[in-house]
Amino acid sequence: MYKETKATTLQGSVIIENQSVVSMYAQKSNRGDLTINVNVQSETLYKANKEECDADIATFKSHAEEL
């Protein structure tokens, strides 16, 4: 049996001091299911810039919900 699923994706990053601190990925299926993954790549820079990182993550989540 053949099954196919179409999806729309969105990728984003939080960049601080020319380093990727947080990577983000979202996928919305044609059924409307939304999956969002957020990965902290540098805990030290994340903690030092938590307010900025969290604001950027919130912006990404808002954009993902608009997919």
Protein backbone atom coordinates (compact mmCIF):
# COMPACT_ATOMS: atom_id res chain seq x y z
CA MET A 1 0.00 0.00 0.00
CA TYR A 2 1.33 3.40 -1.01
CA LYS A 3 0.90 6.29 1.41
CA GLU A 4 2.05 9.86 0.93
CA THR A 5 2.14 12.81 3.29
CA LYS A 6 2.85 16.37 2.26
CA ALA A 7 4.29 18.80 4.77
CA THR A 8 5.54 22.35 5.02
CA THR A 9 8.73 22.99 6.97
CA LEU A 10 10.40 25.96 8.62
CA GLN A 11 13.95 26.16 9.97
CA GLY A 12 15.52 28.83 12.12
CA SER A 13 18.55 29.57 14.29
CA VAL A 14 19.53 31.92 17.06
CA ILE A 15 22.99 33.28 16.22
CA ILE A 16 25.09 35.01 18.87
CA GLU A 17 28.76 35.94 18.47
CA ASN A 18 28.72 34.26 15.04
CA GLN A 19 27.75 30.94 16.66
CA SER A 20 24.54 28.99 16.33
CA VAL A 21 23.18 28.86 19.88
CA VAL A 22 19.73 27.40 19.19
CA SER A 23 18.49 25.52 16.14
CA MET A 24 14.77 25.21 15.46
CA TYR A 25 12.73 23.10 13.07
CA ALA A 26 8.98 22.98 12.51
CA GLN A 27 6.87 20.78 10.27
CA LYS A 28 3.17 21.03 9.56
CA SER A 29 1.50 18.15 7.76
CA ASN A 30 -1.33 18.58 5.31
CA ARG A 31 -3.58 17.15 8.05
CA GLY A 32 -2.70 20.12 10.26
CA ASP A 33 -0.36 18.34 12.70
CA LEU A 34 2.43 20.67 13.86
CA THR A 35 5.75 19.45 15.23
CA ILE A 36 8.31 21.90 16.63
CA ASN A 37 11.85 20.95 17.70
CA VAL A 38 14.14 23.34 19.56
CA ASN A 39 17.75 22.31 20.26
CA VAL A 40 20.18 24.30 22.38
CA GLN A 41 23.62 23.90 20.85
CA SER A 42 25.59 26.07 23.28
CA GLU A 43 24.26 26.01 26.81
CA THR A 44 26.80 28.61 27.94
CA LEU A 45 25.79 31.18 25.32
CA TYR A 46 22.11 30.31 25.81
CA LYS A 47 22.30 30.99 29.55
CA ALA A 48 24.26 34.21 29.01
CA ASN A 49 21.68 35.44 26.46
CA LYS A 50 18.56 33.68 27.72
CA GLU A 51 16.18 36.62 27.27
CA GLU A 52 17.18 37.17 23.63
CA CYS A 53 17.16 33.43 22.86
CA ASP A 54 13.73 32.91 24.42
CA ALA A 55 12.33 35.88 22.49
CA ASP A 56 13.67 34.45 19.22
CA ILE A 57 12.26 31.01 20.06
CA ALA A 58 8.85 32.58 20.73
CA THR A 59 9.01 34.36 17.36
CA PHE A 60 9.87 31.10 15.62
CA LYS A 61 6.98 29.28 17.30
CA SER A 62 4.61 32.06 16.24
CA HIS A 63 5.78 31.77 12.63
CA ALA A 64 5.49 27.98 12.76
CA GLU A 65 1.89 28.22 13.89
CA GLU A 66 1.18 30.34 10.79
CA LEU A 67 2.33 27.58 8.40
